[in-house]
N, C-alpha and C. Protein backbone atom coordinates (compact mmCIF):
# COMPACT_ATOMS: atom_id res chain seq x y z
N MET A 1 46.52 -21.87 8.43
CA MET A 1 45.64 -21.72 7.30
C MET A 1 44.17 -21.81 7.74
N LYS A 2 43.87 -22.78 8.65
CA LYS A 2 42.51 -22.91 9.15
C LYS A 2 42.08 -21.64 9.86
N LEU A 3 42.97 -21.03 10.62
CA LEU A 3 42.65 -19.80 11.34
C LEU A 3 42.31 -18.69 10.36
N LYS A 4 43.02 -18.59 9.26
CA LYS A 4 42.75 -17.56 8.24
C LYS A 4 41.34 -17.73 7.68
N TYR A 5 40.99 -18.97 7.33
CA TYR A 5 39.66 -19.24 6.78
C TYR A 5 38.57 -19.00 7.82
N THR A 6 38.83 -19.35 9.05
CA THR A 6 37.86 -19.14 10.12
C THR A 6 37.62 -17.64 10.33
N LEU A 7 38.71 -16.85 10.38
CA LEU A 7 38.58 -15.40 10.54
C LEU A 7 37.86 -14.79 9.34
N LEU A 8 38.16 -15.27 8.14
CA LEU A 8 37.51 -14.78 6.93
C LEU A 8 36.02 -15.12 6.96
N LEU A 9 35.68 -16.33 7.40
CA LEU A 9 34.29 -16.73 7.51
C LEU A 9 33.54 -15.88 8.54
N ILE A 10 34.15 -15.63 9.70
CA ILE A 10 33.54 -14.80 10.74
C ILE A 10 33.32 -13.38 10.22
N ALA A 11 34.31 -12.83 9.53
CA ALA A 11 34.18 -11.48 8.97
C ALA A 11 33.03 -11.42 7.96
N ALA A 12 32.90 -12.45 7.14
CA ALA A 12 31.83 -12.48 6.14
C ALA A 12 30.46 -12.55 6.81
N VAL A 13 30.34 -13.37 7.86
CA VAL A 13 29.07 -13.51 8.56
C VAL A 13 28.69 -12.20 9.25
N VAL A 14 29.64 -11.57 9.94
CA VAL A 14 29.37 -10.30 10.62
C VAL A 14 28.97 -9.24 9.61
N THR A 15 29.67 -9.15 8.49
CA THR A 15 29.33 -8.18 7.44
C THR A 15 27.92 -8.45 6.92
N GLY A 16 27.58 -9.71 6.70
CA GLY A 16 26.25 -10.07 6.23
C GLY A 16 25.17 -9.69 7.21
N LEU A 17 25.40 -9.94 8.49
CA LEU A 17 24.41 -9.58 9.51
C LEU A 17 24.22 -8.08 9.61
N LEU A 18 25.29 -7.32 9.52
CA LEU A 18 25.18 -5.86 9.60
C LEU A 18 24.46 -5.30 8.39
N SER A 19 24.65 -5.89 7.22
CA SER A 19 24.01 -5.36 6.02
C SER A 19 22.54 -5.76 5.94
N CYS A 20 22.10 -6.73 6.74
CA CYS A 20 20.71 -7.16 6.74
C CYS A 20 19.90 -6.48 7.82
N LYS A 21 20.33 -5.34 8.29
CA LYS A 21 19.63 -4.61 9.33
C LYS A 21 18.19 -4.33 8.91
N LYS A 22 17.25 -4.57 9.79
CA LYS A 22 15.85 -4.34 9.49
C LYS A 22 15.58 -2.85 9.32
N GLY A 23 14.54 -2.55 8.51
CA GLY A 23 14.16 -1.17 8.31
C GLY A 23 13.61 -0.57 9.60
N ASN A 24 13.65 0.74 9.69
CA ASN A 24 13.13 1.44 10.85
C ASN A 24 11.64 1.65 10.63
N ASN A 25 10.80 0.82 11.24
CA ASN A 25 9.37 0.90 11.03
C ASN A 25 8.73 1.85 12.03
N SER A 26 9.14 3.08 11.92
CA SER A 26 8.58 4.15 12.73
C SER A 26 8.77 5.43 11.93
N GLY A 27 8.91 6.55 12.59
CA GLY A 27 9.19 7.80 11.90
C GLY A 27 7.94 8.52 11.47
N PRO A 28 8.04 9.26 10.35
CA PRO A 28 6.96 10.19 9.98
C PRO A 28 5.63 9.53 9.63
N ILE A 29 5.62 8.24 9.37
CA ILE A 29 4.36 7.58 8.99
C ILE A 29 3.52 7.21 10.22
N VAL A 30 4.14 7.08 11.38
CA VAL A 30 3.44 6.62 12.58
C VAL A 30 2.38 7.64 13.00
N GLY A 31 1.17 7.14 13.25
CA GLY A 31 0.06 7.98 13.69
C GLY A 31 -1.20 7.67 12.90
N LYS A 32 -2.26 8.42 13.21
CA LYS A 32 -3.55 8.23 12.55
C LYS A 32 -3.70 9.23 11.42
N TRP A 33 -4.15 8.74 10.26
CA TRP A 33 -4.33 9.55 9.06
C TRP A 33 -5.77 9.43 8.60
N GLN A 34 -6.43 10.57 8.31
CA GLN A 34 -7.81 10.59 7.83
C GLN A 34 -7.82 10.68 6.30
N GLU A 35 -8.67 9.87 5.66
CA GLU A 35 -8.76 9.88 4.20
C GLU A 35 -9.45 11.14 3.72
N THR A 36 -8.90 11.74 2.65
CA THR A 36 -9.46 12.97 2.09
C THR A 36 -9.77 12.86 0.60
N LYS A 37 -9.18 11.86 -0.07
CA LYS A 37 -9.36 11.74 -1.52
C LYS A 37 -9.07 10.29 -1.92
N LEU A 38 -9.79 9.82 -2.94
CA LEU A 38 -9.60 8.48 -3.45
C LEU A 38 -9.66 8.52 -4.97
N ARG A 39 -8.65 7.97 -5.61
CA ARG A 39 -8.64 7.89 -7.08
C ARG A 39 -8.54 6.42 -7.48
N LEU A 40 -9.47 5.98 -8.33
CA LEU A 40 -9.50 4.62 -8.86
C LEU A 40 -9.32 4.71 -10.36
N TYR A 41 -8.43 3.89 -10.93
CA TYR A 41 -8.30 3.89 -12.38
C TYR A 41 -7.76 2.55 -12.87
N ASP A 42 -8.12 2.22 -14.12
CA ASP A 42 -7.65 1.01 -14.78
C ASP A 42 -6.68 1.39 -15.88
N LEU A 43 -5.63 0.59 -16.01
CA LEU A 43 -4.64 0.78 -17.07
C LEU A 43 -4.59 -0.47 -17.93
N ASP A 44 -4.38 -0.28 -19.25
CA ASP A 44 -4.19 -1.45 -20.09
C ASP A 44 -2.71 -1.85 -20.09
N SER A 45 -2.34 -2.83 -20.90
CA SER A 45 -0.97 -3.35 -20.88
C SER A 45 0.07 -2.33 -21.32
N SER A 46 -0.35 -1.26 -22.01
CA SER A 46 0.60 -0.20 -22.38
C SER A 46 0.48 1.01 -21.47
N ASN A 47 -0.15 0.81 -20.28
CA ASN A 47 -0.34 1.85 -19.26
C ASN A 47 -1.21 3.02 -19.73
N ARG A 48 -2.10 2.76 -20.65
CA ARG A 48 -3.07 3.76 -21.09
C ARG A 48 -4.26 3.69 -20.15
N ILE A 49 -4.75 4.84 -19.68
CA ILE A 49 -5.88 4.87 -18.75
C ILE A 49 -7.16 4.51 -19.50
N LEU A 50 -7.87 3.50 -18.97
CA LEU A 50 -9.13 3.05 -19.56
C LEU A 50 -10.32 3.67 -18.84
N MET A 51 -10.26 3.70 -17.52
CA MET A 51 -11.31 4.30 -16.68
C MET A 51 -10.63 5.05 -15.55
N ASP A 52 -11.25 6.15 -15.12
CA ASP A 52 -10.63 6.98 -14.08
C ASP A 52 -11.73 7.68 -13.29
N THR A 53 -11.77 7.45 -11.98
CA THR A 53 -12.78 8.05 -11.12
C THR A 53 -12.11 8.57 -9.85
N THR A 54 -12.42 9.82 -9.48
CA THR A 54 -11.86 10.42 -8.26
C THR A 54 -13.01 10.81 -7.34
N TYR A 55 -12.85 10.49 -6.06
CA TYR A 55 -13.83 10.85 -5.03
C TYR A 55 -13.18 11.81 -4.04
N LEU A 56 -13.89 12.89 -3.72
CA LEU A 56 -13.47 13.82 -2.68
C LEU A 56 -14.39 13.74 -1.47
N ALA A 57 -15.46 12.95 -1.56
CA ALA A 57 -16.43 12.76 -0.49
C ALA A 57 -17.21 11.49 -0.81
N PRO A 58 -17.93 10.86 0.06
CA PRO A 58 -18.05 11.16 1.47
C PRO A 58 -17.00 10.41 2.27
N PHE A 59 -16.21 11.11 3.01
CA PHE A 59 -15.24 10.50 3.92
C PHE A 59 -15.63 10.88 5.34
N THR A 60 -15.61 9.90 6.23
CA THR A 60 -16.02 10.13 7.61
C THR A 60 -14.85 9.84 8.54
N ASP A 61 -15.08 9.94 9.83
CA ASP A 61 -14.02 9.63 10.80
C ASP A 61 -13.70 8.14 10.83
N LEU A 62 -14.49 7.31 10.13
CA LEU A 62 -14.20 5.88 10.04
C LEU A 62 -13.34 5.53 8.81
N ASP A 63 -12.99 6.53 8.02
CA ASP A 63 -12.10 6.34 6.86
C ASP A 63 -10.70 6.79 7.26
N TYR A 64 -9.90 5.86 7.72
CA TYR A 64 -8.58 6.22 8.21
C TYR A 64 -7.61 5.05 8.08
N VAL A 65 -6.35 5.35 8.30
CA VAL A 65 -5.31 4.34 8.46
C VAL A 65 -4.48 4.75 9.67
N GLN A 66 -4.16 3.79 10.53
CA GLN A 66 -3.39 4.04 11.75
C GLN A 66 -2.10 3.23 11.67
N PHE A 67 -0.96 3.92 11.49
CA PHE A 67 0.34 3.26 11.47
C PHE A 67 0.93 3.24 12.87
N ASN A 68 1.38 2.07 13.30
CA ASN A 68 1.95 1.89 14.64
C ASN A 68 3.45 1.64 14.53
N ASN A 69 4.17 1.91 15.63
CA ASN A 69 5.58 1.53 15.69
C ASN A 69 5.67 0.02 15.53
N GLY A 70 6.72 -0.46 14.95
CA GLY A 70 6.92 -1.90 14.84
C GLY A 70 6.42 -2.52 13.55
N GLY A 71 5.94 -1.71 12.62
CA GLY A 71 5.61 -2.25 11.30
C GLY A 71 4.21 -2.77 11.09
N THR A 72 3.24 -2.33 11.90
CA THR A 72 1.85 -2.75 11.68
C THR A 72 0.97 -1.53 11.47
N CYS A 73 -0.13 -1.73 10.78
CA CYS A 73 -1.11 -0.66 10.64
C CYS A 73 -2.50 -1.24 10.51
N ILE A 74 -3.48 -0.41 10.86
CA ILE A 74 -4.89 -0.76 10.81
C ILE A 74 -5.54 0.14 9.77
N THR A 75 -6.38 -0.44 8.92
CA THR A 75 -7.14 0.34 7.94
C THR A 75 -8.61 0.29 8.31
N SER A 76 -9.33 1.36 8.03
CA SER A 76 -10.75 1.42 8.34
C SER A 76 -11.47 2.15 7.21
N ALA A 77 -12.64 1.64 6.84
CA ALA A 77 -13.46 2.28 5.80
C ALA A 77 -14.93 2.03 6.10
N ASP A 78 -15.80 2.95 5.63
CA ASP A 78 -17.24 2.75 5.81
C ASP A 78 -18.03 3.02 4.54
N HIS A 79 -17.35 3.03 3.40
CA HIS A 79 -18.01 3.16 2.10
C HIS A 79 -17.31 2.27 1.08
N TYR A 80 -18.08 1.82 0.10
CA TYR A 80 -17.50 1.11 -1.04
C TYR A 80 -17.58 2.07 -2.22
N TYR A 81 -16.48 2.24 -2.94
CA TYR A 81 -16.39 3.18 -4.05
C TYR A 81 -16.29 2.43 -5.36
N TYR A 82 -16.93 2.96 -6.39
CA TYR A 82 -17.01 2.30 -7.69
C TYR A 82 -16.21 3.05 -8.75
N LEU A 83 -15.63 2.31 -9.65
CA LEU A 83 -14.96 2.86 -10.82
C LEU A 83 -16.02 3.12 -11.89
N THR A 84 -16.09 4.33 -12.42
CA THR A 84 -17.10 4.69 -13.42
C THR A 84 -16.60 4.34 -14.82
N GLN A 85 -17.41 3.59 -15.55
CA GLN A 85 -17.06 3.24 -16.92
C GLN A 85 -17.41 4.40 -17.85
N PRO A 86 -16.58 4.64 -18.87
CA PRO A 86 -16.88 5.72 -19.83
C PRO A 86 -18.26 5.52 -20.46
N GLY A 87 -19.02 6.60 -20.55
CA GLY A 87 -20.33 6.56 -21.17
C GLY A 87 -21.45 6.12 -20.25
N TYR A 88 -21.15 5.81 -19.00
CA TYR A 88 -22.16 5.38 -18.04
C TYR A 88 -22.24 6.39 -16.90
N PRO A 89 -23.41 6.51 -16.28
CA PRO A 89 -23.51 7.44 -15.14
C PRO A 89 -22.69 6.92 -13.96
N ALA A 90 -22.21 7.84 -13.16
CA ALA A 90 -21.42 7.48 -11.98
C ALA A 90 -22.30 6.79 -10.95
N THR A 91 -21.77 5.77 -10.32
CA THR A 91 -22.46 5.09 -9.23
C THR A 91 -22.00 5.73 -7.93
N PRO A 92 -22.92 6.24 -7.12
CA PRO A 92 -22.49 6.89 -5.87
C PRO A 92 -21.88 5.87 -4.91
N PRO A 93 -20.99 6.32 -4.03
CA PRO A 93 -20.42 5.41 -3.03
C PRO A 93 -21.52 4.78 -2.20
N GLN A 94 -21.31 3.54 -1.82
CA GLN A 94 -22.29 2.80 -1.03
C GLN A 94 -21.82 2.70 0.42
N ALA A 95 -22.66 3.15 1.35
CA ALA A 95 -22.33 3.04 2.77
C ALA A 95 -22.33 1.56 3.17
N ILE A 96 -21.33 1.16 3.93
CA ILE A 96 -21.20 -0.22 4.41
C ILE A 96 -20.89 -0.18 5.90
N PRO A 97 -21.10 -1.28 6.62
CA PRO A 97 -20.64 -1.32 8.01
C PRO A 97 -19.12 -1.14 8.03
N GLN A 98 -18.62 -0.57 9.08
CA GLN A 98 -17.18 -0.32 9.17
C GLN A 98 -16.39 -1.60 8.87
N SER A 99 -15.42 -1.47 7.98
CA SER A 99 -14.55 -2.57 7.60
C SER A 99 -13.15 -2.26 8.11
N ILE A 100 -12.59 -3.16 8.91
CA ILE A 100 -11.26 -2.94 9.49
C ILE A 100 -10.33 -4.03 8.98
N GLY A 101 -9.15 -3.63 8.56
CA GLY A 101 -8.15 -4.58 8.09
C GLY A 101 -6.81 -4.27 8.71
N SER A 102 -5.83 -5.12 8.45
CA SER A 102 -4.49 -4.89 8.98
C SER A 102 -3.46 -5.15 7.90
N LEU A 103 -2.39 -4.41 7.97
CA LEU A 103 -1.26 -4.53 7.05
C LEU A 103 0.03 -4.46 7.84
N GLY A 104 1.08 -4.92 7.22
CA GLY A 104 2.42 -4.69 7.74
C GLY A 104 3.08 -3.65 6.86
N TYR A 105 4.12 -3.02 7.35
CA TYR A 105 4.84 -2.06 6.52
C TYR A 105 6.32 -2.08 6.86
N THR A 106 7.13 -1.70 5.87
CA THR A 106 8.57 -1.63 6.04
C THR A 106 9.08 -0.33 5.44
N TYR A 107 9.87 0.38 6.17
CA TYR A 107 10.49 1.62 5.70
C TYR A 107 11.60 1.26 4.72
N ILE A 108 11.61 1.88 3.53
CA ILE A 108 12.64 1.56 2.54
C ILE A 108 13.53 2.75 2.21
N GLY A 109 13.34 3.87 2.90
CA GLY A 109 14.22 5.01 2.71
C GLY A 109 13.47 6.24 2.22
N GLY A 110 14.06 7.40 2.51
CA GLY A 110 13.43 8.65 2.11
C GLY A 110 12.08 8.78 2.78
N ASN A 111 11.06 8.97 1.98
CA ASN A 111 9.69 9.07 2.50
C ASN A 111 8.84 7.89 2.03
N LYS A 112 9.46 6.75 1.74
CA LYS A 112 8.76 5.62 1.12
C LYS A 112 8.70 4.40 2.03
N TYR A 113 7.56 3.71 1.93
CA TYR A 113 7.30 2.51 2.70
C TYR A 113 6.69 1.47 1.78
N VAL A 114 6.98 0.20 2.03
CA VAL A 114 6.33 -0.90 1.32
C VAL A 114 5.30 -1.49 2.26
N LEU A 115 4.09 -1.71 1.76
CA LEU A 115 3.02 -2.30 2.55
C LEU A 115 2.88 -3.76 2.16
N ASN A 116 2.54 -4.61 3.14
CA ASN A 116 2.31 -6.00 2.81
C ASN A 116 1.10 -6.51 3.57
N ASN A 117 0.33 -7.32 2.87
CA ASN A 117 -0.88 -7.88 3.43
C ASN A 117 -0.50 -8.96 4.43
N THR A 118 -1.08 -8.92 5.61
CA THR A 118 -0.77 -9.92 6.62
C THR A 118 -1.54 -11.21 6.40
N SER A 119 -2.54 -11.20 5.51
CA SER A 119 -3.32 -12.40 5.21
C SER A 119 -2.62 -13.21 4.12
N GLN A 120 -2.71 -14.51 4.21
CA GLN A 120 -2.14 -15.38 3.20
C GLN A 120 -3.22 -15.91 2.25
N LEU A 121 -4.43 -15.37 2.34
CA LEU A 121 -5.52 -15.83 1.48
C LEU A 121 -5.29 -15.37 0.05
N ALA A 122 -5.61 -16.24 -0.89
CA ALA A 122 -5.47 -15.90 -2.31
C ALA A 122 -6.59 -14.96 -2.73
N ASN A 123 -6.29 -14.04 -3.62
CA ASN A 123 -7.28 -13.12 -4.17
C ASN A 123 -7.74 -13.70 -5.51
N PRO A 124 -8.96 -14.27 -5.60
CA PRO A 124 -9.38 -14.92 -6.84
C PRO A 124 -9.57 -13.96 -8.01
N GLY A 125 -9.70 -12.65 -7.75
CA GLY A 125 -9.91 -11.69 -8.83
C GLY A 125 -8.64 -11.10 -9.39
N GLY A 126 -7.51 -11.40 -8.84
CA GLY A 126 -6.26 -10.83 -9.31
C GLY A 126 -5.21 -10.94 -8.23
N PHE A 127 -4.14 -10.25 -8.42
CA PHE A 127 -3.00 -10.40 -7.51
C PHE A 127 -2.44 -9.03 -7.13
N ASN A 128 -2.37 -8.75 -5.83
CA ASN A 128 -1.71 -7.53 -5.37
C ASN A 128 -0.22 -7.72 -5.53
N VAL A 129 0.43 -6.82 -6.22
CA VAL A 129 1.86 -6.97 -6.37
C VAL A 129 2.63 -5.71 -6.01
N ALA A 130 1.96 -4.59 -5.88
CA ALA A 130 2.67 -3.37 -5.59
C ALA A 130 1.86 -2.49 -4.66
N ASP A 131 2.19 -2.52 -3.39
CA ASP A 131 1.53 -1.66 -2.42
C ASP A 131 2.61 -0.80 -1.79
N SER A 132 2.41 0.52 -1.82
CA SER A 132 3.43 1.41 -1.27
C SER A 132 2.77 2.63 -0.65
N ALA A 133 3.53 3.29 0.22
CA ALA A 133 3.05 4.51 0.87
C ALA A 133 4.15 5.56 0.78
N PHE A 134 3.74 6.81 0.59
CA PHE A 134 4.66 7.93 0.49
C PHE A 134 4.19 9.02 1.45
N VAL A 135 5.10 9.55 2.25
CA VAL A 135 4.77 10.61 3.19
C VAL A 135 5.45 11.89 2.74
N SER A 136 4.69 12.98 2.76
CA SER A 136 5.23 14.30 2.47
C SER A 136 4.58 15.28 3.45
N GLY A 137 5.33 15.65 4.48
CA GLY A 137 4.78 16.55 5.50
C GLY A 137 3.59 15.90 6.19
N ASN A 138 2.42 16.55 6.11
CA ASN A 138 1.20 16.02 6.73
C ASN A 138 0.30 15.30 5.73
N THR A 139 0.87 14.86 4.60
CA THR A 139 0.11 14.16 3.58
C THR A 139 0.69 12.77 3.37
N LEU A 140 -0.20 11.79 3.27
CA LEU A 140 0.17 10.40 3.03
C LEU A 140 -0.58 9.93 1.80
N MET A 141 0.10 9.22 0.89
CA MET A 141 -0.55 8.62 -0.26
C MET A 141 -0.24 7.14 -0.26
N ILE A 142 -1.28 6.32 -0.32
CA ILE A 142 -1.11 4.87 -0.43
C ILE A 142 -1.48 4.47 -1.85
N HIS A 143 -0.55 3.80 -2.52
CA HIS A 143 -0.67 3.42 -3.93
C HIS A 143 -0.73 1.90 -4.00
N VAL A 144 -1.82 1.36 -4.55
CA VAL A 144 -2.02 -0.09 -4.65
C VAL A 144 -2.28 -0.45 -6.10
N ILE A 145 -1.56 -1.44 -6.62
CA ILE A 145 -1.80 -1.95 -7.97
C ILE A 145 -2.26 -3.40 -7.85
N ASN A 146 -3.39 -3.70 -8.44
CA ASN A 146 -3.90 -5.07 -8.53
C ASN A 146 -3.78 -5.50 -9.99
N TYR A 147 -3.00 -6.54 -10.23
CA TYR A 147 -2.89 -7.08 -11.58
C TYR A 147 -3.97 -8.11 -11.79
N GLY A 148 -4.57 -8.12 -12.97
CA GLY A 148 -5.56 -9.13 -13.31
C GLY A 148 -4.87 -10.46 -13.59
N HIS A 149 -5.65 -11.45 -13.97
CA HIS A 149 -5.09 -12.77 -14.23
C HIS A 149 -4.12 -12.77 -15.40
N GLY A 150 -4.12 -11.73 -16.23
CA GLY A 150 -3.17 -11.64 -17.34
C GLY A 150 -1.79 -11.25 -16.88
N GLY A 151 -1.61 -11.05 -15.57
CA GLY A 151 -0.30 -10.66 -15.05
C GLY A 151 0.11 -9.29 -15.56
N GLU A 152 1.39 -9.08 -15.73
CA GLU A 152 1.87 -7.78 -16.17
C GLU A 152 1.50 -7.48 -17.61
N ASN A 153 1.03 -8.47 -18.36
CA ASN A 153 0.60 -8.25 -19.75
C ASN A 153 -0.89 -7.92 -19.83
N GLY A 154 -1.59 -7.99 -18.72
CA GLY A 154 -3.01 -7.70 -18.70
C GLY A 154 -3.30 -6.32 -18.15
N TYR A 155 -4.53 -6.14 -17.67
CA TYR A 155 -4.92 -4.85 -17.13
C TYR A 155 -4.42 -4.70 -15.69
N LYS A 156 -4.39 -3.44 -15.24
CA LYS A 156 -4.03 -3.13 -13.86
C LYS A 156 -5.11 -2.24 -13.30
N ASN A 157 -5.55 -2.54 -12.09
CA ASN A 157 -6.49 -1.70 -11.37
C ASN A 157 -5.68 -0.98 -10.30
N VAL A 158 -5.70 0.35 -10.33
CA VAL A 158 -4.86 1.14 -9.43
C VAL A 158 -5.75 1.95 -8.49
N THR A 159 -5.36 1.98 -7.22
CA THR A 159 -6.05 2.79 -6.22
C THR A 159 -5.02 3.70 -5.55
N ASP A 160 -5.28 4.99 -5.58
CA ASP A 160 -4.46 5.96 -4.86
C ASP A 160 -5.35 6.59 -3.79
N SER A 161 -4.99 6.35 -2.53
CA SER A 161 -5.74 6.90 -1.40
C SER A 161 -4.90 7.99 -0.75
N TYR A 162 -5.51 9.14 -0.50
CA TYR A 162 -4.80 10.29 0.07
C TYR A 162 -5.33 10.56 1.48
N TYR A 163 -4.41 10.85 2.39
CA TYR A 163 -4.74 11.05 3.80
C TYR A 163 -4.00 12.28 4.33
N THR A 164 -4.55 12.87 5.39
CA THR A 164 -3.87 13.94 6.12
C THR A 164 -3.96 13.62 7.60
N ARG A 165 -3.09 14.27 8.39
CA ARG A 165 -3.13 14.08 9.85
C ARG A 165 -4.18 14.95 10.44
């Protein structure tokens, strides 16, 4: 009887280990991607768009994301972009010194990846809860949702960044 339970336990452990296989953090996302478009918008609690601003310029060779094998990536930007409020003039992007950050990523199937911040610092202005990347041919879209302090019942600030190889 002990042998039966031991074999059953071993089978369960092996099955569990095989089903917990790590994602393949390589594939079509690996490489350097140049930013070509940026869309910023706010949604209210019923997902109605409150503000919406799209930028097609200025993007330079310092606006990129570099995905590496093994689940890491580097982000780079040299402008700060503003969300335009309805009824107000647009604020032009502001040039800044190059800003470099790092993220981790996990392949979740198809053409989709989940991004995760490698920093454990709290964001006092809200909480990142949904960061994802989608690859289609030579196009990459990174989708980030920042929830305000109201959580899922409050506003959401969404950023969609578009890149090409």
